[in-house]
Amino acid sequence: MFVFDKIPEKDELERIVHINCSSIIFPFIRESIADLTIKAGLPPLILDPVNFVAMYESSKEKEEKNYDKKLKKKQRLT
């Protein structure tokens, strides 16, 4: 679905996939879901907008905190 001329580094690729690619495709998914529910005779199901930057940064912060906790626990055991 997405093509790169040059494959970015792992960290950059992760950020691109989780933020840029998601931000590009989400409006189309959102519209398709709304159309599908209308065609099914139901009220439209309209998904709320998503801030993919905030979601990604929050996820990274949680990963770092969990890593720090595991590292501290490991250091206490040794």
C-alpha atoms as a PDB file:
ATOM      1  CA  MET A   1       0.000   0.000   0.000  1.00  0.00           C
ATOM      2  CA  PHE A   2       2.870   2.379   0.838  1.00  0.00           C
ATOM      3  CA  VAL A   3       6.102   2.355  -1.137  1.00  0.00           C
ATOM      4  CA  PHE A   4       9.446   3.858  -0.179  1.00  0.00           C
ATOM      5  CA  ASP A   5      12.201   4.725  -2.630  1.00  0.00           C
ATOM      6  CA  LYS A   6      14.692   4.104   0.158  1.00  0.00           C
ATOM      7  CA  ILE A   7      13.892   2.091   3.268  1.00  0.00           C
ATOM      8  CA  PRO A   8      14.305   4.364   6.316  1.00  0.00           C
ATOM      9  CA  GLU A   9      16.111   3.324   9.482  1.00  0.00           C
ATOM     10  CA  LYS A  10      14.098   1.140  11.872  1.00  0.00           C
ATOM     11  CA  ASP A  11      13.172   3.936  14.319  1.00  0.00           C
ATOM     12  CA  GLU A  12      12.182   6.309  11.548  1.00  0.00           C
ATOM     13  CA  LEU A  13      10.210   3.608   9.725  1.00  0.00           C
ATOM     14  CA  GLU A  14       8.329   2.780  12.923  1.00  0.00           C
ATOM     15  CA  ARG A  15       7.380   6.426  13.372  1.00  0.00           C
ATOM     16  CA  ILE A  16       6.326   6.783   9.720  1.00  0.00           C
ATOM     17  CA  VAL A  17       4.145   3.684   9.855  1.00  0.00           C
ATOM     18  CA  HIS A  18       2.493   4.538  13.160  1.00  0.00           C
ATOM     19  CA  ILE A  19       1.913   8.218  12.422  1.00  0.00           C
ATOM     20  CA  ASN A  20       2.073   9.111   8.744  1.00  0.00           C
ATOM     21  CA  CYS A  21       0.651   5.972   7.157  1.00  0.00           C
ATOM     22  CA  SER A  22      -2.086   5.715   9.778  1.00  0.00           C
ATOM     23  CA  SER A  23      -2.992   9.382   9.342  1.00  0.00           C
ATOM     24  CA  ILE A  24      -3.244   8.951   5.586  1.00  0.00           C
ATOM     25  CA  ILE A  25      -5.413   5.833   5.586  1.00  0.00           C
ATOM     26  CA  PHE A  26      -7.654   6.519   8.604  1.00  0.00           C
ATOM     27  CA  PRO A  27     -10.007   9.035   6.917  1.00  0.00           C
ATOM     28  CA  PHE A  28     -10.751   6.484   4.183  1.00  0.00           C
ATOM     29  CA  ILE A  29     -11.463   3.750   6.723  1.00  0.00           C
ATOM     30  CA  ARG A  30     -13.615   6.157   8.711  1.00  0.00           C
ATOM     31  CA  GLU A  31     -15.653   7.067   5.611  1.00  0.00           C
ATOM     32  CA  SER A  32     -16.026   3.414   4.563  1.00  0.00           C
ATOM     33  CA  ILE A  33     -17.367   2.422   7.980  1.00  0.00           C
ATOM     34  CA  ALA A  34     -19.859   5.284   7.952  1.00  0.00           C
ATOM     35  CA  ASP A  35     -21.011   4.365   4.418  1.00  0.00           C
ATOM     36  CA  LEU A  36     -21.278   0.682   5.273  1.00  0.00           C
ATOM     37  CA  THR A  37     -23.490   1.305   8.292  1.00  0.00           C
ATOM     38  CA  ILE A  38     -25.745   3.650   6.285  1.00  0.00           C
ATOM     39  CA  LYS A  39     -26.085   1.078   3.488  1.00  0.00           C
ATOM     40  CA  ALA A  40     -27.010  -1.513   6.108  1.00  0.00           C
ATOM     41  CA  GLY A  41     -29.926   0.695   7.149  1.00  0.00           C
ATOM     42  CA  LEU A  42     -28.322   1.708  10.414  1.00  0.00           C
ATOM     43  CA  PRO A  43     -27.437   5.158  11.676  1.00  0.00           C
ATOM     44  CA  PRO A  44     -23.967   6.071  10.460  1.00  0.00           C
ATOM     45  CA  LEU A  45     -21.168   4.944  12.727  1.00  0.00           C
ATOM     46  CA  ILE A  46     -18.781   7.874  12.628  1.00  0.00           C
ATOM     47  CA  LEU A  47     -15.437   7.187  14.238  1.00  0.00           C
ATOM     48  CA  ASP A  48     -13.882  10.019  16.187  1.00  0.00           C
ATOM     49  CA  PRO A  49     -10.743  11.615  14.754  1.00  0.00           C
ATOM     50  CA  VAL A  50      -7.495  10.189  16.093  1.00  0.00           C
ATOM     51  CA  ASN A  51      -4.337  12.073  17.002  1.00  0.00           C
ATOM     52  CA  PHE A  52      -1.768   9.528  15.839  1.00  0.00           C
ATOM     53  CA  VAL A  53       1.176  11.663  16.982  1.00  0.00           C
ATOM     54  CA  ALA A  54      -0.094  11.778  20.569  1.00  0.00           C
ATOM     55  CA  MET A  55      -0.991   8.076  20.469  1.00  0.00           C
ATOM     56  CA  TYR A  56       2.485   7.126  19.221  1.00  0.00           C
ATOM     57  CA  GLU A  57       4.305   9.335  21.721  1.00  0.00           C
ATOM     58  CA  SER A  58       2.191   8.002  24.586  1.00  0.00           C
ATOM     59  CA  SER A  59       2.937   4.450  23.509  1.00  0.00           C
ATOM     60  CA  LYS A  60       6.676   5.157  23.362  1.00  0.00           C
ATOM     61  CA  GLU A  61       6.612   6.745  26.830  1.00  0.00           C
ATOM     62  CA  LYS A  62       4.872   3.668  28.261  1.00  0.00           C
ATOM     63  CA  GLU A  63       7.432   1.394  26.594  1.00  0.00           C
ATOM     64  CA  GLU A  64      10.290   3.417  28.100  1.00  0.00           C
ATOM     65  CA  LYS A  65       8.734   3.355  31.579  1.00  0.00           C
ATOM     66  CA  ASN A  66       8.185  -0.402  31.374  1.00  0.00           C
ATOM     67  CA  TYR A  67      11.758  -0.895  30.194  1.00  0.00           C
ATOM     68  CA  ASP A  68      13.070   1.228  33.074  1.00  0.00           C
ATOM     69  CA  LYS A  69      10.993  -0.761  35.591  1.00  0.00           C
ATOM     70  CA  LYS A  70      12.266  -4.068  34.226  1.00  0.00           C
ATOM     71  CA  LEU A  71      15.846  -2.803  34.252  1.00  0.00           C
ATOM     72  CA  LYS A  72      15.584  -1.610  37.863  1.00  0.00           C
ATOM     73  CA  LYS A  73      13.985  -4.900  38.913  1.00  0.00           C
ATOM     74  CA  LYS A  74      16.746  -6.845  37.181  1.00  0.00           C
ATOM     75  CA  GLN A  75      19.433  -4.722  38.874  1.00  0.00           C
ATOM     76  CA  ARG A  76      17.863  -5.381  42.302  1.00  0.00           C
ATOM     77  CA  LEU A  77      17.925  -9.133  41.661  1.00  0.00           C
ATOM     78  CA  THR A  78      21.607  -9.168  40.765  1.00  0.00           C
END
